[in-house]
Amino acid sequence: MLTEGRWKHIVLRYPELENKLFLVLYAVASPDEVYVDQEGAFHALKRLHGEVSDYIVVVYYKENEEGYIRTAFYKL
C-alpha cells in the first residue's frame, strides 16, 4: 500500500521520482533482489537500464499479510 501522503513525502525528499510511481510499485511487485534489515523492513531492488541510476530501492514493511511502502530512492 502506498498512500497519497506517503507518496508526497517520498517525492518531496526525492523529486527525481515524481513521475515514477509505476516504477516504484513495479519494483515491489517484481524485484530483482530483496533484503531484510534488522528492523524487519524489506528493501526491494530493481535493476534499471538507461535510467537515472543503476537501481531503484523501495523500502517497505509487511504487517498482517499487507505491506506499506516507507520510502523509495535511486541507488548507484
PDB file of N, CA and C in Angstrom:
ATOM      1  N   MET A   1       0.847  -1.169   0.000  1.00  0.00           N
ATOM      2  CA  MET A   1       0.000   0.000   0.000  1.00  0.00           C
ATOM      3  C   MET A   1       0.896   1.237   0.000  1.00  0.00           C
ATOM      4  N   LEU A   2       0.497   2.188  -0.765  1.00  0.00           N
ATOM      5  CA  LEU A   2       1.199   3.461  -0.824  1.00  0.00           C
ATOM      6  C   LEU A   2       0.147   4.567  -0.786  1.00  0.00           C
ATOM      7  N   THR A   3       0.071   5.250   0.350  1.00  0.00           N
ATOM      8  CA  THR A   3      -0.920   6.312   0.485  1.00  0.00           C
ATOM      9  C   THR A   3      -0.460   7.555  -0.265  1.00  0.00           C
ATOM     10  N   GLU A   4      -1.399   8.414  -0.546  1.00  0.00           N
ATOM     11  CA  GLU A   4      -1.071   9.662  -1.232  1.00  0.00           C
ATOM     12  C   GLU A   4      -0.121  10.513  -0.388  1.00  0.00           C
ATOM     13  N   GLY A   5      -0.347  10.534   0.923  1.00  0.00           N
ATOM     14  CA  GLY A   5       0.517  11.294   1.811  1.00  0.00           C
ATOM     15  C   GLY A   5       1.945  10.766   1.826  1.00  0.00           C
ATOM     16  N   ARG A   6       2.090   9.458   1.836  1.00  0.00           N
ATOM     17  CA  ARG A   6       3.420   8.856   1.826  1.00  0.00           C
ATOM     18  C   ARG A   6       4.106   9.137   0.500  1.00  0.00           C
ATOM     19  N   TRP A   7       3.361   9.049  -0.610  1.00  0.00           N
ATOM     20  CA  TRP A   7       3.944   9.331  -1.922  1.00  0.00           C
ATOM     21  C   TRP A   7       4.427  10.779  -1.989  1.00  0.00           C
ATOM     22  N   LYS A   8       3.640  11.705  -1.465  1.00  0.00           N
ATOM     23  CA  LYS A   8       4.057  13.110  -1.455  1.00  0.00           C
ATOM     24  C   LYS A   8       5.333  13.290  -0.639  1.00  0.00           C
ATOM     25  N   HIS A   9       5.438  12.591   0.476  1.00  0.00           N
ATOM     26  CA  HIS A   9       6.641  12.655   1.304  1.00  0.00           C
ATOM     27  C   HIS A   9       7.861  12.142   0.532  1.00  0.00           C
ATOM     28  N   ILE A  10       7.707  11.029  -0.167  1.00  0.00           N
ATOM     29  CA  ILE A  10       8.805  10.457  -0.952  1.00  0.00           C
ATOM     30  C   ILE A  10       9.251  11.435  -2.034  1.00  0.00           C
ATOM     31  N   VAL A  11       8.297  11.987  -2.757  1.00  0.00           N
ATOM     32  CA  VAL A  11       8.622  12.899  -3.864  1.00  0.00           C
ATOM     33  C   VAL A  11       9.225  14.203  -3.340  1.00  0.00           C
ATOM     34  N   LEU A  12       8.788  14.653  -2.177  1.00  0.00           N
ATOM     35  CA  LEU A  12       9.373  15.851  -1.585  1.00  0.00           C
ATOM     36  C   LEU A  12      10.848  15.615  -1.270  1.00  0.00           C
ATOM     37  N   ARG A  13      11.155  14.454  -0.767  1.00  0.00           N
ATOM     38  CA  ARG A  13      12.543  14.122  -0.421  1.00  0.00           C
ATOM     39  C   ARG A  13      13.369  13.716  -1.638  1.00  0.00           C
ATOM     40  N   TYR A  14      12.742  13.038  -2.590  1.00  0.00           N
ATOM     41  CA  TYR A  14      13.419  12.562  -3.804  1.00  0.00           C
ATOM     42  C   TYR A  14      12.625  13.012  -5.036  1.00  0.00           C
ATOM     43  N   PRO A  15      12.713  14.274  -5.419  1.00  0.00           N
ATOM     44  CA  PRO A  15      11.903  14.810  -6.518  1.00  0.00           C
ATOM     45  C   PRO A  15      12.142  14.120  -7.855  1.00  0.00           C
ATOM     46  N   GLU A  16      13.277  13.456  -8.023  1.00  0.00           N
ATOM     47  CA  GLU A  16      13.540  12.741  -9.273  1.00  0.00           C
ATOM     48  C   GLU A  16      12.586  11.562  -9.474  1.00  0.00           C
ATOM     49  N   LEU A  17      11.840  11.192  -8.440  1.00  0.00           N
ATOM     50  CA  LEU A  17      10.870  10.091  -8.546  1.00  0.00           C
ATOM     51  C   LEU A  17       9.456  10.579  -8.864  1.00  0.00           C
ATOM     52  N   GLU A  18       9.287  11.871  -9.033  1.00  0.00           N
ATOM     53  CA  GLU A  18       7.950  12.446  -9.176  1.00  0.00           C
ATOM     54  C   GLU A  18       7.068  11.722 -10.199  1.00  0.00           C
ATOM     55  N   ASN A  19       7.581  11.405 -11.338  1.00  0.00           N
ATOM     56  CA  ASN A  19       6.782  10.737 -12.376  1.00  0.00           C
ATOM     57  C   ASN A  19       7.096   9.243 -12.463  1.00  0.00           C
ATOM     58  N   LYS A  20       7.534   8.666 -11.360  1.00  0.00           N
ATOM     59  CA  LYS A  20       7.981   7.272 -11.361  1.00  0.00           C
ATOM     60  C   LYS A  20       7.152   6.378 -10.434  1.00  0.00           C
ATOM     61  N   LEU A  21       5.917   6.738 -10.170  1.00  0.00           N
ATOM     62  CA  LEU A  21       5.075   5.928  -9.296  1.00  0.00           C
ATOM     63  C   LEU A  21       4.979   4.490  -9.793  1.00  0.00           C
ATOM     64  N   PHE A  22       4.740   4.303 -11.082  1.00  0.00           N
ATOM     65  CA  PHE A  22       4.634   2.956 -11.629  1.00  0.00           C
ATOM     66  C   PHE A  22       5.918   2.167 -11.378  1.00  0.00           C
ATOM     67  N   LEU A  23       7.062   2.798 -11.534  1.00  0.00           N
ATOM     68  CA  LEU A  23       8.350   2.136 -11.322  1.00  0.00           C
ATOM     69  C   LEU A  23       8.509   1.699  -9.865  1.00  0.00           C
ATOM     70  N   VAL A  24       8.101   2.530  -8.936  1.00  0.00           N
ATOM     71  CA  VAL A  24       8.173   2.186  -7.515  1.00  0.00           C
ATOM     72  C   VAL A  24       7.294   0.973  -7.226  1.00  0.00           C
ATOM     73  N   LEU A  25       6.077   0.978  -7.710  1.00  0.00           N
ATOM     74  CA  LEU A  25       5.163  -0.146  -7.484  1.00  0.00           C
ATOM     75  C   LEU A  25       5.665  -1.410  -8.179  1.00  0.00           C
ATOM     76  N   TYR A  26       6.231  -1.253  -9.353  1.00  0.00           N
ATOM     77  CA  TYR A  26       6.776  -2.390 -10.099  1.00  0.00           C
ATOM     78  C   TYR A  26       7.965  -3.011  -9.367  1.00  0.00           C
ATOM     79  N   ALA A  27       8.790  -2.188  -8.750  1.00  0.00           N
ATOM     80  CA  ALA A  27       9.945  -2.697  -8.004  1.00  0.00           C
ATOM     81  C   ALA A  27       9.504  -3.597  -6.857  1.00  0.00           C
ATOM     82  N   VAL A  28       8.419  -3.248  -6.206  1.00  0.00           N
ATOM     83  CA  VAL A  28       7.900  -4.077  -5.111  1.00  0.00           C
ATOM     84  C   VAL A  28       7.241  -5.343  -5.661  1.00  0.00           C
ATOM     85  N   ALA A  29       6.506  -5.214  -6.745  1.00  0.00           N
ATOM     86  CA  ALA A  29       5.795  -6.358  -7.322  1.00  0.00           C
ATOM     87  C   ALA A  29       6.729  -7.353  -7.997  1.00  0.00           C
ATOM     88  N   SER A  30       7.833  -6.861  -8.549  1.00  0.00           N
ATOM     89  CA  SER A  30       8.728  -7.727  -9.316  1.00  0.00           C
ATOM     90  C   SER A  30      10.202  -7.347  -9.079  1.00  0.00           C
ATOM     91  N   PRO A  31      10.676  -7.482  -7.842  1.00  0.00           N
ATOM     92  CA  PRO A  31      12.053  -7.069  -7.548  1.00  0.00           C
ATOM     93  C   PRO A  31      13.071  -8.045  -8.120  1.00  0.00           C
ATOM     94  N   ASP A  32      14.271  -7.551  -8.380  1.00  0.00           N
ATOM     95  CA  ASP A  32      15.376  -8.419  -8.775  1.00  0.00           C
ATOM     96  C   ASP A  32      16.054  -9.012  -7.547  1.00  0.00           C
ATOM     97  N   GLU A  33      16.051  -8.266  -6.456  1.00  0.00           N
ATOM     98  CA  GLU A  33      16.631  -8.723  -5.198  1.00  0.00           C
ATOM     99  C   GLU A  33      15.813  -8.133  -4.055  1.00  0.00           C
ATOM    100  N   VAL A  34      15.761  -8.855  -2.931  1.00  0.00           N
ATOM    101  CA  VAL A  34      15.088  -8.347  -1.733  1.00  0.00           C
ATOM    102  C   VAL A  34      15.969  -8.666  -0.531  1.00  0.00           C
ATOM    103  N   TYR A  35      16.165  -7.660   0.293  1.00  0.00           N
ATOM    104  CA  TYR A  35      16.920  -7.819   1.531  1.00  0.00           C
ATOM    105  C   TYR A  35      16.036  -7.401   2.692  1.00  0.00           C
ATOM    106  N   VAL A  36      16.243  -8.015   3.846  1.00  0.00           N
ATOM    107  CA  VAL A  36      15.514  -7.643   5.054  1.00  0.00           C
ATOM    108  C   VAL A  36      16.526  -7.087   6.049  1.00  0.00           C
ATOM    109  N   ASP A  37      16.252  -5.878   6.558  1.00  0.00           N
ATOM    110  CA  ASP A  37      17.191  -5.281   7.505  1.00  0.00           C
ATOM    111  C   ASP A  37      16.865  -5.704   8.937  1.00  0.00           C
ATOM    112  N   GLN A  38      17.619  -5.206   9.889  1.00  0.00           N
ATOM    113  CA  GLN A  38      17.474  -5.607  11.286  1.00  0.00           C
ATOM    114  C   GLN A  38      16.139  -5.201  11.894  1.00  0.00           C
ATOM    115  N   GLU A  39      15.518  -4.182  11.359  1.00  0.00           N
ATOM    116  CA  GLU A  39      14.210  -3.743  11.861  1.00  0.00           C
ATOM    117  C   GLU A  39      13.049  -4.483  11.201  1.00  0.00           C
ATOM    118  N   GLY A  40      13.364  -5.360  10.244  1.00  0.00           N
ATOM    119  CA  GLY A  40      12.322  -6.119   9.560  1.00  0.00           C
ATOM    120  C   GLY A  40      11.794  -5.456   8.309  1.00  0.00           C
ATOM    121  N   ALA A  41      12.427  -4.370   7.884  1.00  0.00           N
ATOM    122  CA  ALA A  41      11.996  -3.701   6.653  1.00  0.00           C
ATOM    123  C   ALA A  41      12.566  -4.449   5.452  1.00  0.00           C
ATOM    124  N   PHE A  42      11.763  -4.560   4.429  1.00  0.00           N
ATOM    125  CA  PHE A  42      12.184  -5.187   3.179  1.00  0.00           C
ATOM    126  C   PHE A  42      12.737  -4.100   2.263  1.00  0.00           C
ATOM    127  N   HIS A  43      13.829  -4.405   1.592  1.00  0.00           N
ATOM    128  CA  HIS A  43      14.440  -3.496   0.626  1.00  0.00           C
ATOM    129  C   HIS A  43      14.376  -4.196  -0.731  1.00  0.00           C
ATOM    130  N   ALA A  44      13.448  -3.757  -1.567  1.00  0.00           N
ATOM    131  CA  ALA A  44      13.288  -4.334  -2.903  1.00  0.00           C
ATOM    132  C   ALA A  44      14.149  -3.550  -3.880  1.00  0.00           C
ATOM    133  N   LEU A  45      15.009  -4.244  -4.605  1.00  0.00           N
ATOM    134  CA  LEU A  45      15.883  -3.613  -5.595  1.00  0.00           C
ATOM    135  C   LEU A  45      15.454  -4.033  -6.990  1.00  0.00           C
ATOM    136  N   LYS A  46      15.340  -3.078  -7.861  1.00  0.00           N
ATOM    137  CA  LYS A  46      15.013  -3.327  -9.256  1.00  0.00           C
ATOM    138  C   LYS A  46      16.116  -2.718 -10.116  1.00  0.00           C
ATOM    139  N   ARG A  47      16.733  -3.545 -10.938  1.00  0.00           N
ATOM    140  CA  ARG A  47      17.773  -3.040 -11.847  1.00  0.00           C
ATOM    141  C   ARG A  47      17.137  -2.187 -12.939  1.00  0.00           C
ATOM    142  N   LEU A  48      17.820  -1.119 -13.279  1.00  0.00           N
ATOM    143  CA  LEU A  48      17.323  -0.208 -14.302  1.00  0.00           C
ATOM    144  C   LEU A  48      18.303  -0.179 -15.468  1.00  0.00           C
ATOM    145  N   HIS A  49      17.777   0.057 -16.633  1.00  0.00           N
ATOM    146  CA  HIS A  49      18.603   0.157 -17.834  1.00  0.00           C
ATOM    147  C   HIS A  49      18.269   1.479 -18.520  1.00  0.00           C
ATOM    148  N   GLY A  50      19.262   2.339 -18.608  1.00  0.00           N
ATOM    149  CA  GLY A  50      19.040   3.610 -19.283  1.00  0.00           C
ATOM    150  C   GLY A  50      18.293   4.621 -18.453  1.00  0.00           C
ATOM    151  N   GLU A  51      18.240   4.403 -17.159  1.00  0.00           N
ATOM    152  CA  GLU A  51      17.557   5.336 -16.267  1.00  0.00           C
ATOM    153  C   GLU A  51      18.583   6.234 -15.580  1.00  0.00           C
ATOM    154  N   VAL A  52      18.138   6.939 -14.584  1.00  0.00           N
ATOM    155  CA  VAL A  52      18.971   7.866 -13.830  1.00  0.00           C
ATOM    156  C   VAL A  52      20.051   7.130 -13.039  1.00  0.00           C
ATOM    157  N   SER A  53      19.776   5.914 -12.648  1.00  0.00           N
ATOM    158  CA  SER A  53      20.647   5.184 -11.754  1.00  0.00           C
ATOM    159  C   SER A  53      20.714   3.718 -12.142  1.00  0.00           C
ATOM    160  N   ASP A  54      21.517   2.958 -11.411  1.00  0.00           N
ATOM    161  CA  ASP A  54      21.615   1.522 -11.661  1.00  0.00           C
ATOM    162  C   ASP A  54      20.456   0.742 -11.046  1.00  0.00           C
ATOM    163  N   TYR A  55      19.931   1.244  -9.928  1.00  0.00           N
ATOM    164  CA  TYR A  55      18.853   0.570  -9.199  1.00  0.00           C
ATOM    165  C   TYR A  55      17.842   1.572  -8.691  1.00  0.00           C
ATOM    166  N   ILE A  56      16.637   1.084  -8.466  1.00  0.00           N
ATOM    167  CA  ILE A  56      15.700   1.790  -7.615  1.00  0.00           C
ATOM    168  C   ILE A  56      15.505   0.885  -6.413  1.00  0.00           C
ATOM    169  N   VAL A  57      15.479   1.487  -5.233  1.00  0.00           N
ATOM    170  CA  VAL A  57      15.294   0.752  -3.989  1.00  0.00           C
ATOM    171  C   VAL A  57      13.990   1.224  -3.367  1.00  0.00           C
ATOM    172  N   VAL A  58      13.147   0.272  -2.982  1.00  0.00           N
ATOM    173  CA  VAL A  58      11.895   0.588  -2.306  1.00  0.00           C
ATOM    174  C   VAL A  58      11.915  -0.113  -0.955  1.00  0.00           C
ATOM    175  N   VAL A  59      11.754   0.655   0.104  1.00  0.00           N
ATOM    176  CA  VAL A  59      11.756   0.106   1.453  1.00  0.00           C
ATOM    177  C   VAL A  59      10.308  -0.006   1.903  1.00  0.00           C
ATOM    178  N   TYR A  60       9.935  -1.213   2.337  1.00  0.00           N
ATOM    179  CA  TYR A  60       8.553  -1.420   2.761  1.00  0.00           C
ATOM    180  C   TYR A  60       8.495  -2.412   3.911  1.00  0.00           C
ATOM    181  N   TYR A  61       7.383  -2.386   4.611  1.00  0.00           N
ATOM    182  CA  TYR A  61       7.123  -3.288   5.732  1.00  0.00           C
ATOM    183  C   TYR A  61       5.916  -4.141   5.410  1.00  0.00           C
ATOM    184  N   LYS A  62       5.867  -5.315   6.000  1.00  0.00           N
ATOM    185  CA  LYS A  62       4.696  -6.176   5.883  1.00  0.00           C
ATOM    186  C   LYS A  62       4.076  -6.340   7.261  1.00  0.00           C
ATOM    187  N   GLU A  63       2.780  -6.122   7.322  1.00  0.00           N
ATOM    188  CA  GLU A  63       2.026  -6.316   8.551  1.00  0.00           C
ATOM    189  C   GLU A  63       0.722  -7.004   8.204  1.00  0.00           C
ATOM    190  N   ASN A  64       0.436  -8.105   8.865  1.00  0.00           N
ATOM    191  CA  ASN A  64      -0.819  -8.832   8.647  1.00  0.00           C
ATOM    192  C   ASN A  64      -1.072  -9.115   7.173  1.00  0.00           C
ATOM    193  N   GLU A  65      -0.051  -9.635   6.501  1.00  0.00           N
ATOM    194  CA  GLU A  65      -0.142 -10.002   5.083  1.00  0.00           C
ATOM    195  C   GLU A  65      -0.267  -8.809   4.139  1.00  0.00           C
ATOM    196  N   GLU A  66      -0.248  -7.599   4.676  1.00  0.00           N
ATOM    197  CA  GLU A  66      -0.292  -6.412   3.839  1.00  0.00           C
ATOM    198  C   GLU A  66       0.994  -5.638   4.012  1.00  0.00           C
ATOM    199  N   GLY A  67       1.424  -4.980   2.977  1.00  0.00           N
ATOM    200  CA  GLY A  67       2.643  -4.200   3.059  1.00  0.00           C
ATOM    201  C   GLY A  67       2.355  -2.725   2.876  1.00  0.00           C
ATOM    202  N   TYR A  68       3.250  -1.922   3.394  1.00  0.00           N
ATOM    203  CA  TYR A  68       3.152  -0.491   3.118  1.00  0.00           C
ATOM    204  C   TYR A  68       4.551   0.042   2.831  1.00  0.00           C
ATOM    205  N   ILE A  69       4.604   0.922   1.867  1.00  0.00           N
ATOM    206  CA  ILE A  69       5.869   1.481   1.403  1.00  0.00           C
ATOM    207  C   ILE A  69       6.266   2.647   2.302  1.00  0.00           C
ATOM    208  N   ARG A  70       7.510   2.604   2.757  1.00  0.00           N
ATOM    209  CA  ARG A  70       8.032   3.666   3.610  1.00  0.00           C
ATOM    210  C   ARG A  70       8.760   4.724   2.803  1.00  0.00           C
ATOM    211  N   THR A  71       9.623   4.295   1.875  1.00  0.00           N
ATOM    212  CA  THR A  71      10.366   5.242   1.053  1.00  0.00           C
ATOM    213  C   THR A  71      10.869   4.545  -0.197  1.00  0.00           C
ATOM    214  N   ALA A  72      11.413   5.333  -1.101  1.00  0.00           N
ATOM    215  CA  ALA A  72      11.997   4.816  -2.334  1.00  0.00           C
ATOM    216  C   ALA A  72      13.058   5.811  -2.788  1.00  0.00           C
ATOM    217  N   PHE A  73      14.081   5.282  -3.458  1.00  0.00           N
ATOM    218  CA  PHE A  73      15.163   6.162  -3.927  1.00  0.00           C
ATOM    219  C   PHE A  73      15.994   5.437  -4.974  1.00  0.00           C
ATOM    220  N   TYR A  74      16.730   6.214  -5.752  1.00  0.00           N
ATOM    221  CA  TYR A  74      17.678   5.643  -6.717  1.00  0.00           C
ATOM    222  C   TYR A  74      18.983   5.358  -5.999  1.00  0.00           C
ATOM    223  N   LYS A  75      19.649   4.299  -6.416  1.00  0.00           N
ATOM    224  CA  LYS A  75      20.935   3.906  -5.841  1.00  0.00           C
ATOM    225  C   LYS A  75      21.900   3.595  -6.967  1.00  0.00           C
ATOM    226  N   LEU A  76      23.112   4.138  -6.894  1.00  0.00           N
ATOM    227  CA  LEU A  76      24.128   3.845  -7.905  1.00  0.00           C
ATOM    228  C   LEU A  76      24.756   2.500  -7.652  1.00  0.00           C
TER     229      LEU A  76
END
